[in-house]
């Protein structure tokens, strides 16, 4: 049997979907309160500012112009959320859409507060 390990992703052999991510308390507070976005699950978790999200959406073959993506963000928030979701970018409002979402904090023996969060379910 082949063993495949992916960073920032929890898998089982069940037919449901699982995601498990960890971050610092500071990263969590920014994400949970809508100040940052997260990108990626299979390749590791990356937190992005809105400006960095705009930059990512202006790259690649389906790229938007900077003016176009800023206008969509400002005037069509539901469309913007669809676009970021299609690019594996989430804000707290769109994280784990169609799944059960969980989060839990933990304080390490050294006193650092960390968060585990993710989603699960069978709607894939």
PDB file of N, CA and C in Angstrom:
ATOM      1  N   UNK A   1       0.836  -1.174   0.000  1.00  0.00           N
ATOM      2  CA  UNK A   1       0.000   0.000   0.000  1.00  0.00           C
ATOM      3  C   UNK A   1       0.886   1.245   0.000  1.00  0.00           C
ATOM      4  N   UNK A   2       0.527   2.224  -0.838  1.00  0.00           N
ATOM      5  CA  UNK A   2       1.276   3.465  -0.943  1.00  0.00           C
ATOM      6  C   UNK A   2       0.807   4.445   0.129  1.00  0.00           C
ATOM      7  N   UNK A   3       1.758   5.103   0.810  1.00  0.00           N
ATOM      8  CA  UNK A   3       1.457   6.102   1.831  1.00  0.00           C
ATOM      9  C   UNK A   3       1.724   7.479   1.248  1.00  0.00           C
ATOM     10  N   UNK A   4       0.730   8.337   1.284  1.00  0.00           N
ATOM     11  CA  UNK A   4       0.846   9.693   0.754  1.00  0.00           C
ATOM     12  C   UNK A   4       0.575  10.672   1.891  1.00  0.00           C
ATOM     13  N   UNK A   5       1.544  11.530   2.215  1.00  0.00           N
ATOM     14  CA  UNK A   5       1.393  12.503   3.300  1.00  0.00           C
ATOM     15  C   UNK A   5       1.273  13.891   2.690  1.00  0.00           C
ATOM     16  N   UNK A   6       0.212  14.603   3.062  1.00  0.00           N
ATOM     17  CA  UNK A   6      -0.004  15.971   2.595  1.00  0.00           C
ATOM     18  C   UNK A   6      -0.022  16.897   3.798  1.00  0.00           C
ATOM     19  N   UNK A   7       0.675  18.001   3.699  1.00  0.00           N
ATOM     20  CA  UNK A   7       0.739  18.966   4.797  1.00  0.00           C
ATOM     21  C   UNK A   7      -0.590  19.693   4.961  1.00  0.00           C
ATOM     22  N   UNK A   8      -0.956  19.978   6.206  1.00  0.00           N
ATOM     23  CA  UNK A   8      -2.146  20.747   6.562  1.00  0.00           C
ATOM     24  C   UNK A   8      -3.445  20.104   6.104  1.00  0.00           C
ATOM     25  N   UNK A   9      -3.456  18.815   6.005  1.00  0.00           N
ATOM     26  CA  UNK A   9      -4.668  18.124   5.569  1.00  0.00           C
ATOM     27  C   UNK A   9      -4.787  16.810   6.326  1.00  0.00           C
ATOM     28  N   UNK A  10      -5.952  16.531   6.846  1.00  0.00           N
ATOM     29  CA  UNK A  10      -6.223  15.291   7.565  1.00  0.00           C
ATOM     30  C   UNK A  10      -7.094  14.406   6.688  1.00  0.00           C
ATOM     31  N   UNK A  11      -6.707  13.164   6.520  1.00  0.00           N
ATOM     32  CA  UNK A  11      -7.481  12.272   5.672  1.00  0.00           C
ATOM     33  C   UNK A  11      -7.771  10.961   6.387  1.00  0.00           C
ATOM     34  N   UNK A  12      -8.897  10.389   6.048  1.00  0.00           N
ATOM     35  CA  UNK A  12      -9.214   9.032   6.475  1.00  0.00           C
ATOM     36  C   UNK A  12      -9.635   8.263   5.236  1.00  0.00           C
ATOM     37  N   UNK A  13      -9.911   7.009   5.387  1.00  0.00           N
ATOM     38  CA  UNK A  13     -10.380   6.225   4.253  1.00  0.00           C
ATOM     39  C   UNK A  13     -11.908   6.199   4.192  1.00  0.00           C
ATOM     40  N   UNK A  14     -12.562   7.085   4.929  1.00  0.00           N
ATOM     41  CA  UNK A  14     -14.022   7.140   4.904  1.00  0.00           C
ATOM     42  C   UNK A  14     -14.489   7.871   3.645  1.00  0.00           C
ATOM     43  N   UNK A  15     -15.782   7.858   3.411  1.00  0.00           N
ATOM     44  CA  UNK A  15     -16.330   8.513   2.226  1.00  0.00           C
ATOM     45  C   UNK A  15     -16.689   9.968   2.482  1.00  0.00           C
ATOM     46  N   UNK A  16     -16.329  10.498   3.622  1.00  0.00           N
ATOM     47  CA  UNK A  16     -16.625  11.897   3.896  1.00  0.00           C
ATOM     48  C   UNK A  16     -15.370  12.747   3.714  1.00  0.00           C
ATOM     49  N   UNK A  17     -15.552  14.060   3.687  1.00  0.00           N
ATOM     50  CA  UNK A  17     -14.466  15.002   3.488  1.00  0.00           C
ATOM     51  C   UNK A  17     -14.011  15.527   4.848  1.00  0.00           C
ATOM     52  N   UNK A  18     -12.692  15.725   5.009  1.00  0.00           N
ATOM     53  CA  UNK A  18     -12.132  16.250   6.251  1.00  0.00           C
ATOM     54  C   UNK A  18     -11.059  17.282   5.927  1.00  0.00           C
ATOM     55  N   UNK A  19     -10.966  18.303   6.729  1.00  0.00           N
ATOM     56  CA  UNK A  19      -9.892  19.273   6.646  1.00  0.00           C
ATOM     57  C   UNK A  19      -9.511  19.648   8.069  1.00  0.00           C
ATOM     58  N   UNK A  20      -8.227  19.662   8.348  1.00  0.00           N
ATOM     59  CA  UNK A  20      -7.741  20.036   9.672  1.00  0.00           C
ATOM     60  C   UNK A  20      -6.536  20.944   9.490  1.00  0.00           C
ATOM     61  N   UNK A  21      -6.596  22.148  10.049  1.00  0.00           N
ATOM     62  CA  UNK A  21      -5.521  23.127   9.935  1.00  0.00           C
ATOM     63  C   UNK A  21      -5.191  23.668  11.312  1.00  0.00           C
ATOM     64  N   UNK A  22      -3.943  24.112  11.468  1.00  0.00           N
ATOM     65  CA  UNK A  22      -3.476  24.701  12.720  1.00  0.00           C
ATOM     66  C   UNK A  22      -2.884  26.071  12.430  1.00  0.00           C
ATOM     67  N   UNK A  23      -3.045  26.991  13.382  1.00  0.00           N
ATOM     68  CA  UNK A  23      -2.435  28.307  13.246  1.00  0.00           C
ATOM     69  C   UNK A  23      -2.232  28.920  14.626  1.00  0.00           C
ATOM     70  N   UNK A  24      -1.486  30.014  14.641  1.00  0.00           N
ATOM     71  CA  UNK A  24      -1.263  30.726  15.893  1.00  0.00           C
ATOM     72  C   UNK A  24      -2.519  31.505  16.272  1.00  0.00           C
ATOM     73  N   UNK A  25      -2.578  31.939  17.505  1.00  0.00           N
ATOM     74  CA  UNK A  25      -3.705  32.749  17.972  1.00  0.00           C
ATOM     75  C   UNK A  25      -3.819  34.029  17.158  1.00  0.00           C
ATOM     76  N   UNK A  26      -2.690  34.670  16.858  1.00  0.00           N
ATOM     77  CA  UNK A  26      -2.703  35.913  16.077  1.00  0.00           C
ATOM     78  C   UNK A  26      -3.282  35.669  14.685  1.00  0.00           C
ATOM     79  N   UNK A  27      -2.828  34.615  14.003  1.00  0.00           N
ATOM     80  CA  UNK A  27      -3.352  34.287  12.674  1.00  0.00           C
ATOM     81  C   UNK A  27      -4.852  33.995  12.738  1.00  0.00           C
ATOM     82  N   UNK A  28      -5.251  33.255  13.787  1.00  0.00           N
ATOM     83  CA  UNK A  28      -6.665  32.912  13.943  1.00  0.00           C
ATOM     84  C   UNK A  28      -7.526  34.159  14.126  1.00  0.00           C
ATOM     85  N   UNK A  29      -7.098  35.071  14.999  1.00  0.00           N
ATOM     86  CA  UNK A  29      -7.883  36.272  15.265  1.00  0.00           C
ATOM     87  C   UNK A  29      -8.076  37.102  13.992  1.00  0.00           C
ATOM     88  N   UNK A  30      -7.025  37.215  13.195  1.00  0.00           N
ATOM     89  CA  UNK A  30      -7.132  37.964  11.941  1.00  0.00           C
ATOM     90  C   UNK A  30      -8.092  37.275  10.970  1.00  0.00           C
ATOM     91  N   UNK A  31      -8.003  35.953  10.855  1.00  0.00           N
ATOM     92  CA  UNK A  31      -8.865  35.196   9.941  1.00  0.00           C
ATOM     93  C   UNK A  31     -10.314  35.213  10.416  1.00  0.00           C
ATOM     94  N   UNK A  32     -10.533  34.884  11.665  1.00  0.00           N
ATOM     95  CA  UNK A  32     -11.888  34.786  12.216  1.00  0.00           C
ATOM     96  C   UNK A  32     -12.621  36.127  12.178  1.00  0.00           C
ATOM     97  N   UNK A  33     -11.883  37.203  12.375  1.00  0.00           N
ATOM     98  CA  UNK A  33     -12.496  38.532  12.393  1.00  0.00           C
ATOM     99  C   UNK A  33     -12.526  39.206  11.024  1.00  0.00           C
ATOM    100  N   UNK A  34     -12.203  38.453   9.968  1.00  0.00           N
ATOM    101  CA  UNK A  34     -12.352  38.941   8.611  1.00  0.00           C
ATOM    102  C   UNK A  34     -11.252  39.822   8.074  1.00  0.00           C
ATOM    103  N   UNK A  35     -10.083  39.830   8.726  1.00  0.00           N
ATOM    104  CA  UNK A  35      -8.986  40.679   8.266  1.00  0.00           C
ATOM    105  C   UNK A  35      -8.041  39.964   7.313  1.00  0.00           C
ATOM    106  N   UNK A  36      -8.104  38.637   7.264  1.00  0.00           N
ATOM    107  CA  UNK A  36      -7.269  37.876   6.332  1.00  0.00           C
ATOM    108  C   UNK A  36      -8.090  36.772   5.687  1.00  0.00           C
ATOM    109  N   UNK A  37      -7.511  36.173   4.679  1.00  0.00           N
ATOM    110  CA  UNK A  37      -8.089  35.048   3.954  1.00  0.00           C
ATOM    111  C   UNK A  37      -7.111  33.892   4.081  1.00  0.00           C
ATOM    112  N   UNK A  38      -7.570  32.674   3.837  1.00  0.00           N
ATOM    113  CA  UNK A  38      -6.637  31.549   3.806  1.00  0.00           C
ATOM    114  C   UNK A  38      -6.706  30.891   2.434  1.00  0.00           C
ATOM    115  N   UNK A  39      -5.567  30.382   1.994  1.00  0.00           N
ATOM    116  CA  UNK A  39      -5.467  29.712   0.705  1.00  0.00           C
ATOM    117  C   UNK A  39      -4.778  28.388   0.908  1.00  0.00           C
ATOM    118  N   UNK A  40      -5.304  27.388   0.220  1.00  0.00           N
ATOM    119  CA  UNK A  40      -4.656  26.097   0.188  1.00  0.00           C
ATOM    120  C   UNK A  40      -5.058  25.204   1.333  1.00  0.00           C
ATOM    121  N   UNK A  41      -4.994  23.956   1.068  1.00  0.00           N
ATOM    122  CA  UNK A  41      -5.216  22.934   2.080  1.00  0.00           C
ATOM    123  C   UNK A  41      -4.254  21.793   1.789  1.00  0.00           C
ATOM    124  N   UNK A  42      -4.205  21.357   0.544  1.00  0.00           N
ATOM    125  CA  UNK A  42      -3.333  20.242   0.175  1.00  0.00           C
ATOM    126  C   UNK A  42      -1.861  20.620   0.254  1.00  0.00           C
ATOM    127  N   UNK A  43      -1.534  21.864  -0.070  1.00  0.00           N
ATOM    128  CA  UNK A  43      -0.133  22.278  -0.125  1.00  0.00           C
ATOM    129  C   UNK A  43       0.294  23.065   1.102  1.00  0.00           C
ATOM    130  N   UNK A  44      -0.517  23.120   2.105  1.00  0.00           N
ATOM    131  CA  UNK A  44      -0.210  23.906   3.290  1.00  0.00           C
ATOM    132  C   UNK A  44      -1.083  25.147   3.333  1.00  0.00           C
ATOM    133  N   UNK A  45      -1.263  25.680   4.485  1.00  0.00           N
ATOM    134  CA  UNK A  45      -2.146  26.819   4.691  1.00  0.00           C
ATOM    135  C   UNK A  45      -1.348  28.107   4.601  1.00  0.00           C
ATOM    136  N   UNK A  46      -1.890  29.073   3.879  1.00  0.00           N
ATOM    137  CA  UNK A  46      -1.260  30.381   3.728  1.00  0.00           C
ATOM    138  C   UNK A  46      -2.311  31.443   4.034  1.00  0.00           C
ATOM    139  N   UNK A  47      -2.000  32.358   4.927  1.00  0.00           N
ATOM    140  CA  UNK A  47      -2.912  33.461   5.221  1.00  0.00           C
ATOM    141  C   UNK A  47      -2.547  34.649   4.343  1.00  0.00           C
ATOM    142  N   UNK A  48      -3.573  35.302   3.787  1.00  0.00           N
ATOM    143  CA  UNK A  48      -3.381  36.393   2.836  1.00  0.00           C
ATOM    144  C   UNK A  48      -4.166  37.622   3.251  1.00  0.00           C
ATOM    145  N   UNK A  49      -3.594  38.789   2.988  1.00  0.00           N
ATOM    146  CA  UNK A  49      -4.345  40.035   3.138  1.00  0.00           C
ATOM    147  C   UNK A  49      -5.231  40.208   1.907  1.00  0.00           C
ATOM    148  N   UNK A  50      -6.137  41.154   1.953  1.00  0.00           N
ATOM    149  CA  UNK A  50      -6.988  41.427   0.802  1.00  0.00           C
ATOM    150  C   UNK A  50      -6.143  41.823  -0.404  1.00  0.00           C
ATOM    151  N   UNK A  51      -5.109  42.624  -0.179  1.00  0.00           N
ATOM    152  CA  UNK A  51      -4.230  43.031  -1.282  1.00  0.00           C
ATOM    153  C   UNK A  51      -3.554  41.812  -1.919  1.00  0.00           C
ATOM    154  N   UNK A  52      -3.132  40.852  -1.102  1.00  0.00           N
ATOM    155  CA  UNK A  52      -2.515  39.639  -1.633  1.00  0.00           C
ATOM    156  C   UNK A  52      -3.530  38.782  -2.396  1.00  0.00           C
ATOM    157  N   UNK A  53      -4.780  38.773  -1.936  1.00  0.00           N
ATOM    158  CA  UNK A  53      -5.842  38.060  -2.668  1.00  0.00           C
ATOM    159  C   UNK A  53      -6.028  38.701  -4.036  1.00  0.00           C
ATOM    160  N   UNK A  54      -6.095  40.025  -4.086  1.00  0.00           N
ATOM    161  CA  UNK A  54      -6.205  40.718  -5.369  1.00  0.00           C
ATOM    162  C   UNK A  54      -5.046  40.325  -6.282  1.00  0.00           C
ATOM    163  N   UNK A  55      -3.818  40.307  -5.743  1.00  0.00           N
ATOM    164  CA  UNK A  55      -2.645  39.940  -6.542  1.00  0.00           C
ATOM    165  C   UNK A  55      -2.786  38.531  -7.111  1.00  0.00           C
ATOM    166  N   UNK A  56      -3.210  37.574  -6.282  1.00  0.00           N
ATOM    167  CA  UNK A  56      -3.352  36.182  -6.738  1.00  0.00           C
ATOM    168  C   UNK A  56      -4.404  36.068  -7.832  1.00  0.00           C
ATOM    169  N   UNK A  57      -5.487  36.832  -7.712  1.00  0.00           N
ATOM    170  CA  UNK A  57      -6.555  36.759  -8.706  1.00  0.00           C
ATOM    171  C   UNK A  57      -6.187  37.455 -10.011  1.00  0.00           C
ATOM    172  N   UNK A  58      -5.115  38.230 -10.007  1.00  0.00           N
ATOM    173  CA  UNK A  58      -4.644  38.890 -11.221  1.00  0.00           C
ATOM    174  C   UNK A  58      -3.576  38.061 -11.929  1.00  0.00           C
ATOM    175  N   UNK A  59      -3.297  36.845 -11.439  1.00  0.00           N
ATOM    176  CA  UNK A  59      -2.312  35.947 -12.040  1.00  0.00           C
ATOM    177  C   UNK A  59      -3.027  34.822 -12.783  1.00  0.00           C
ATOM    178  N   UNK A  60      -2.331  34.124 -13.639  1.00  0.00           N
ATOM    179  CA  UNK A  60      -2.862  32.918 -14.266  1.00  0.00           C
ATOM    180  C   UNK A  60      -3.685  33.183 -15.507  1.00  0.00           C
ATOM    181  N   UNK A  61      -4.160  32.101 -16.114  1.00  0.00           N
ATOM    182  CA  UNK A  61      -4.843  32.222 -17.408  1.00  0.00           C
ATOM    183  C   UNK A  61      -6.254  32.790 -17.284  1.00  0.00           C
ATOM    184  N   UNK A  62      -6.877  32.693 -16.107  1.00  0.00           N
ATOM    185  CA  UNK A  62      -8.207  33.275 -15.908  1.00  0.00           C
ATOM    186  C   UNK A  62      -8.104  34.532 -15.065  1.00  0.00           C
ATOM    187  N   UNK A  63      -7.045  35.299 -15.286  1.00  0.00           N
ATOM    188  CA  UNK A  63      -6.753  36.457 -14.448  1.00  0.00           C
ATOM    189  C   UNK A  63      -7.731  37.598 -14.689  1.00  0.00           C
ATOM    190  N   UNK A  64      -7.975  38.312 -13.625  1.00  0.00           N
ATOM    191  CA  UNK A  64      -8.767  39.534 -13.665  1.00  0.00           C
ATOM    192  C   UNK A  64      -7.819  40.711 -13.705  1.00  0.00           C
ATOM    193  N   UNK A  65      -8.288  41.844 -14.200  1.00  0.00           N
ATOM    194  CA  UNK A  65      -7.489  43.056 -14.043  1.00  0.00           C
ATOM    195  C   UNK A  65      -7.677  43.530 -12.601  1.00  0.00           C
ATOM    196  N   UNK A  66      -6.745  44.304 -12.128  1.00  0.00           N
ATOM    197  CA  UNK A  66      -6.822  44.808 -10.759  1.00  0.00           C
ATOM    198  C   UNK A  66      -8.101  45.638 -10.563  1.00  0.00           C
ATOM    199  N   UNK A  67      -8.398  46.489 -11.524  1.00  0.00           N
ATOM    200  CA  UNK A  67      -9.589  47.330 -11.431  1.00  0.00           C
ATOM    201  C   UNK A  67     -10.857  46.478 -11.400  1.00  0.00           C
ATOM    202  N   UNK A  68     -10.884  45.425 -12.235  1.00  0.00           N
ATOM    203  CA  UNK A  68     -12.064  44.568 -12.319  1.00  0.00           C
ATOM    204  C   UNK A  68     -12.302  43.822 -11.006  1.00  0.00           C
ATOM    205  N   UNK A  69     -11.268  43.238 -10.419  1.00  0.00           N
ATOM    206  CA  UNK A  69     -11.459  42.447  -9.200  1.00  0.00           C
ATOM    207  C   UNK A  69     -11.778  43.359  -8.011  1.00  0.00           C
ATOM    208  N   UNK A  70     -11.191  44.554  -7.976  1.00  0.00           N
ATOM    209  CA  UNK A  70     -11.525  45.499  -6.907  1.00  0.00           C
ATOM    210  C   UNK A  70     -12.983  45.963  -7.022  1.00  0.00           C
ATOM    211  N   UNK A  71     -13.467  46.168  -8.248  1.00  0.00           N
ATOM    212  CA  UNK A  71     -14.866  46.560  -8.450  1.00  0.00           C
ATOM    213  C   UNK A  71     -15.809  45.441  -8.024  1.00  0.00           C
ATOM    214  N   UNK A  72     -15.480  44.208  -8.393  1.00  0.00           N
ATOM    215  CA  UNK A  72     -16.322  43.069  -8.004  1.00  0.00           C
ATOM    216  C   UNK A  72     -16.363  42.951  -6.483  1.00  0.00           C
ATOM    217  N   UNK A  73     -15.213  43.091  -5.839  1.00  0.00           N
ATOM    218  CA  UNK A  73     -15.158  43.018  -4.375  1.00  0.00           C
ATOM    219  C   UNK A  73     -16.034  44.094  -3.742  1.00  0.00           C
ATOM    220  N   UNK A  74     -15.977  45.277  -4.285  1.00  0.00           N
ATOM    221  CA  UNK A  74     -16.702  46.421  -3.729  1.00  0.00           C
ATOM    222  C   UNK A  74     -18.207  46.360  -4.029  1.00  0.00           C
ATOM    223  N   UNK A  75     -18.568  45.979  -5.262  1.00  0.00           N
ATOM    224  CA  UNK A  75     -19.958  46.106  -5.704  1.00  0.00           C
ATOM    225  C   UNK A  75     -20.735  44.787  -5.749  1.00  0.00           C
ATOM    226  N   UNK A  76     -20.039  43.670  -5.810  1.00  0.00           N
ATOM    227  CA  UNK A  76     -20.703  42.373  -5.949  1.00  0.00           C
ATOM    228  C   UNK A  76     -20.079  41.348  -4.994  1.00  0.00           C
ATOM    229  N   UNK A  77     -20.286  41.509  -3.688  1.00  0.00           N
ATOM    230  CA  UNK A  77     -19.612  40.650  -2.712  1.00  0.00           C
ATOM    231  C   UNK A  77     -19.913  39.164  -2.877  1.00  0.00           C
ATOM    232  N   UNK A  78     -21.122  38.800  -3.290  1.00  0.00           N
ATOM    233  CA  UNK A  78     -21.418  37.374  -3.491  1.00  0.00           C
ATOM    234  C   UNK A  78     -20.613  36.812  -4.656  1.00  0.00           C
ATOM    235  N   UNK A  79     -20.488  37.574  -5.731  1.00  0.00           N
ATOM    236  CA  UNK A  79     -19.667  37.140  -6.865  1.00  0.00           C
ATOM    237  C   UNK A  79     -18.201  37.034  -6.453  1.00  0.00           C
ATOM    238  N   UNK A  80     -17.736  37.997  -5.648  1.00  0.00           N
ATOM    239  CA  UNK A  80     -16.353  37.950  -5.177  1.00  0.00           C
ATOM    240  C   UNK A  80     -16.113  36.683  -4.352  1.00  0.00           C
ATOM    241  N   UNK A  81     -17.064  36.351  -3.476  1.00  0.00           N
ATOM    242  CA  UNK A  81     -16.917  35.126  -2.682  1.00  0.00           C
ATOM    243  C   UNK A  81     -16.883  33.885  -3.565  1.00  0.00           C
ATOM    244  N   UNK A  82     -17.672  33.862  -4.630  1.00  0.00           N
ATOM    245  CA  UNK A  82     -17.623  32.737  -5.576  1.00  0.00           C
ATOM    246  C   UNK A  82     -16.257  32.649  -6.250  1.00  0.00           C
ATOM    247  N   UNK A  83     -15.711  33.791  -6.636  1.00  0.00           N
ATOM    248  CA  UNK A  83     -14.412  33.823  -7.308  1.00  0.00           C
ATOM    249  C   UNK A  83     -13.310  33.322  -6.385  1.00  0.00           C
ATOM    250  N   UNK A  84     -13.284  33.812  -5.144  1.00  0.00           N
ATOM    251  CA  UNK A  84     -12.213  33.352  -4.254  1.00  0.00           C
ATOM    252  C   UNK A  84     -12.366  31.865  -3.946  1.00  0.00           C
ATOM    253  N   UNK A  85     -13.593  31.411  -3.771  1.00  0.00           N
ATOM    254  CA  UNK A  85     -13.832  29.987  -3.506  1.00  0.00           C
ATOM    255  C   UNK A  85     -13.341  29.132  -4.674  1.00  0.00           C
ATOM    256  N   UNK A  86     -13.582  29.594  -5.911  1.00  0.00           N
ATOM    257  CA  UNK A  86     -13.121  28.880  -7.104  1.00  0.00           C
ATOM    258  C   UNK A  86     -11.597  28.847  -7.199  1.00  0.00           C
ATOM    259  N   UNK A  87     -10.928  29.744  -6.484  1.00  0.00           N
ATOM    260  CA  UNK A  87      -9.463  29.805  -6.476  1.00  0.00           C
ATOM    261  C   UNK A  87      -8.873  29.264  -5.178  1.00  0.00           C
ATOM    262  N   UNK A  88      -9.645  28.445  -4.469  1.00  0.00           N
ATOM    263  CA  UNK A  88      -9.220  27.826  -3.205  1.00  0.00           C
ATOM    264  C   UNK A  88      -8.777  28.850  -2.172  1.00  0.00           C
ATOM    265  N   UNK A  89      -9.463  29.978  -2.147  1.00  0.00           N
ATOM    266  CA  UNK A  89      -9.223  31.024  -1.152  1.00  0.00           C
ATOM    267  C   UNK A  89     -10.507  31.169  -0.354  1.00  0.00           C
ATOM    268  N   UNK A  90     -10.376  31.297   0.955  1.00  0.00           N
ATOM    269  CA  UNK A  90     -11.555  31.425   1.814  1.00  0.00           C
ATOM    270  C   UNK A  90     -11.392  32.587   2.779  1.00  0.00           C
ATOM    271  N   UNK A  91     -12.507  33.219   3.096  1.00  0.00           N
ATOM    272  CA  UNK A  91     -12.557  34.052   4.281  1.00  0.00           C
ATOM    273  C   UNK A  91     -13.373  33.242   5.297  1.00  0.00           C
ATOM    274  N   UNK A  92     -13.529  33.738   6.502  1.00  0.00           N
ATOM    275  CA  UNK A  92     -14.239  32.934   7.500  1.00  0.00           C
ATOM    276  C   UNK A  92     -15.667  32.647   7.055  1.00  0.00           C
ATOM    277  N   UNK A  93     -16.297  33.592   6.368  1.00  0.00           N
ATOM    278  CA  UNK A  93     -17.684  33.405   5.925  1.00  0.00           C
ATOM    279  C   UNK A  93     -17.829  32.308   4.877  1.00  0.00           C
ATOM    280  N   UNK A  94     -16.795  32.066   4.070  1.00  0.00           N
ATOM    281  CA  UNK A  94     -16.893  31.063   3.008  1.00  0.00           C
ATOM    282  C   UNK A  94     -16.142  29.784   3.328  1.00  0.00           C
ATOM    283  N   UNK A  95     -15.440  29.744   4.460  1.00  0.00           N
ATOM    284  CA  UNK A  95     -14.646  28.567   4.805  1.00  0.00           C
ATOM    285  C   UNK A  95     -15.557  27.365   5.053  1.00  0.00           C
ATOM    286  N   UNK A  96     -15.285  26.279   4.369  1.00  0.00           N
ATOM    287  CA  UNK A  96     -16.030  25.040   4.591  1.00  0.00           C
ATOM    288  C   UNK A  96     -17.478  25.101   4.165  1.00  0.00           C
ATOM    289  N   UNK A  97     -17.782  25.948   3.181  1.00  0.00           N
ATOM    290  CA  UNK A  97     -19.162  26.032   2.692  1.00  0.00           C
ATOM    291  C   UNK A  97     -19.670  24.640   2.349  1.00  0.00           C
ATOM    292  N   UNK A  98     -20.881  24.335   2.763  1.00  0.00           N
ATOM    293  CA  UNK A  98     -21.544  23.030   2.540  1.00  0.00           C
ATOM    294  C   UNK A  98     -21.053  21.934   3.485  1.00  0.00           C
ATOM    295  N   UNK A  99     -20.237  22.267   4.470  1.00  0.00           N
ATOM    296  CA  UNK A  99     -19.734  21.279   5.422  1.00  0.00           C
ATOM    297  C   UNK A  99     -19.970  21.764   6.851  1.00  0.00           C
ATOM    298  N   UNK A 100     -19.769  20.883   7.792  1.00  0.00           N
ATOM    299  CA  UNK A 100     -19.765  21.257   9.204  1.00  0.00           C
ATOM    300  C   UNK A 100     -18.382  21.823   9.524  1.00  0.00           C
ATOM    301  N   UNK A 101     -18.330  23.001  10.143  1.00  0.00           N
ATOM    302  CA  UNK A 101     -17.069  23.674  10.459  1.00  0.00           C
ATOM    303  C   UNK A 101     -16.817  23.580  11.955  1.00  0.00           C
ATOM    304  N   UNK A 102     -15.559  23.412  12.329  1.00  0.00           N
ATOM    305  CA  UNK A 102     -15.200  23.356  13.742  1.00  0.00           C
ATOM    306  C   UNK A 102     -13.942  24.178  13.985  1.00  0.00           C
ATOM    307  N   UNK A 103     -13.781  24.628  15.214  1.00  0.00           N
ATOM    308  CA  UNK A 103     -12.531  25.261  15.649  1.00  0.00           C
ATOM    309  C   UNK A 103     -12.398  25.090  17.149  1.00  0.00           C
ATOM    310  N   UNK A 104     -11.172  24.993  17.590  1.00  0.00           N
ATOM    311  CA  UNK A 104     -10.880  24.789  19.011  1.00  0.00           C
ATOM    312  C   UNK A 104      -9.505  25.361  19.317  1.00  0.00           C
ATOM    313  N   UNK A 105      -9.389  26.067  20.419  1.00  0.00           N
ATOM    314  CA  UNK A 105      -8.081  26.589  20.820  1.00  0.00           C
ATOM    315  C   UNK A 105      -7.424  25.634  21.809  1.00  0.00           C
ATOM    316  N   UNK A 106      -6.110  25.746  21.898  1.00  0.00           N
ATOM    317  CA  UNK A 106      -5.321  24.921  22.795  1.00  0.00           C
ATOM    318  C   UNK A 106      -4.123  25.742  23.234  1.00  0.00           C
ATOM    319  N   UNK A 107      -3.788  25.685  24.516  1.00  0.00           N
ATOM    320  CA  UNK A 107      -2.596  26.364  25.017  1.00  0.00           C
ATOM    321  C   UNK A 107      -1.515  25.326  25.255  1.00  0.00           C
ATOM    322  N   UNK A 108      -0.375  25.524  24.616  1.00  0.00           N
ATOM    323  CA  UNK A 108       0.727  24.574  24.732  1.00  0.00           C
ATOM    324  C   UNK A 108       1.345  24.663  26.126  1.00  0.00           C
ATOM    325  N   UNK A 109       2.133  23.656  26.528  1.00  0.00           N
ATOM    326  CA  UNK A 109       2.825  23.733  27.821  1.00  0.00           C
ATOM    327  C   UNK A 109       3.720  24.965  27.939  1.00  0.00           C
ATOM    328  N   UNK A 110       4.193  25.489  26.792  1.00  0.00           N
ATOM    329  CA  UNK A 110       5.023  26.689  26.799  1.00  0.00           C
ATOM    330  C   UNK A 110       4.224  27.978  26.858  1.00  0.00           C
ATOM    331  N   UNK A 111       2.883  27.873  26.860  1.00  0.00           N
ATOM    332  CA  UNK A 111       2.027  29.041  26.995  1.00  0.00           C
ATOM    333  C   UNK A 111       1.525  29.643  25.697  1.00  0.00           C
ATOM    334  N   UNK A 112       1.903  29.059  24.558  1.00  0.00           N
ATOM    335  CA  UNK A 112       1.438  29.589  23.276  1.00  0.00           C
ATOM    336  C   UNK A 112       0.034  29.065  22.966  1.00  0.00           C
ATOM    337  N   UNK A 113      -0.865  29.968  22.591  1.00  0.00           N
ATOM    338  CA  UNK A 113      -2.218  29.569  22.232  1.00  0.00           C
ATOM    339  C   UNK A 113      -2.259  29.300  20.729  1.00  0.00           C
ATOM    340  N   UNK A 114      -2.760  28.123  20.359  1.00  0.00           N
ATOM    341  CA  UNK A 114      -2.898  27.762  18.958  1.00  0.00           C
ATOM    342  C   UNK A 114      -4.341  27.353  18.686  1.00  0.00           C
ATOM    343  N   UNK A 115      -4.717  27.377  17.436  1.00  0.00           N
ATOM    344  CA  UNK A 115      -6.062  26.980  17.028  1.00  0.00           C
ATOM    345  C   UNK A 115      -5.992  25.844  16.030  1.00  0.00           C
ATOM    346  N   UNK A 116      -6.906  24.908  16.213  1.00  0.00           N
ATOM    347  CA  UNK A 116      -7.154  23.872  15.213  1.00  0.00           C
ATOM    348  C   UNK A 116      -8.527  24.186  14.624  1.00  0.00           C
ATOM    349  N   UNK A 117      -8.639  24.130  13.316  1.00  0.00           N
ATOM    350  CA  UNK A 117      -9.932  24.376  12.695  1.00  0.00           C
ATOM    351  C   UNK A 117     -10.026  23.583  11.403  1.00  0.00           C
ATOM    352  N   UNK A 118     -11.240  23.410  10.935  1.00  0.00           N
ATOM    353  CA  UNK A 118     -11.431  22.673   9.703  1.00  0.00           C
ATOM    354  C   UNK A 118     -12.887  22.427   9.434  1.00  0.00           C
ATOM    355  N   UNK A 119     -13.123  21.459   8.575  1.00  0.00           N
ATOM    356  CA  UNK A 119     -14.504  21.093   8.231  1.00  0.00           C
ATOM    357  C   UNK A 119     -14.595  19.611   7.946  1.00  0.00           C
ATOM    358  N   UNK A 120     -15.819  19.098   7.978  1.00  0.00           N
ATOM    359  CA  UNK A 120     -16.068  17.693   7.717  1.00  0.00           C
ATOM    360  C   UNK A 120     -17.472  17.538   7.173  1.00  0.00           C
ATOM    361  N   UNK A 121     -17.725  16.438   6.545  1.00  0.00           N
ATOM    362  CA  UNK A 121     -19.045  16.157   6.017  1.00  0.00           C
ATOM    363  C   UNK A 121     -18.958  15.284   4.774  1.00  0.00           C
ATOM    364  N   UNK A 122     -20.104  15.005   4.173  1.00  0.00           N
ATOM    365  CA  UNK A 122     -20.099  14.121   3.015  1.00  0.00           C
ATOM    366  C   UNK A 122     -20.681  14.783   1.775  1.00  0.00           C
ATOM    367  N   UNK A 123     -20.695  16.112   1.725  1.00  0.00           N
ATOM    368  CA  UNK A 123     -21.235  16.840   0.588  1.00  0.00           C
ATOM    369  C   UNK A 123     -20.097  17.214  -0.372  1.00  0.00           C
ATOM    370  N   UNK A 124     -19.584  16.236  -1.089  1.00  0.00           N
ATOM    371  CA  UNK A 124     -18.474  16.513  -2.001  1.00  0.00           C
ATOM    372  C   UNK A 124     -18.772  16.126  -3.415  1.00  0.00           C
TER     373      UNK A 124
END
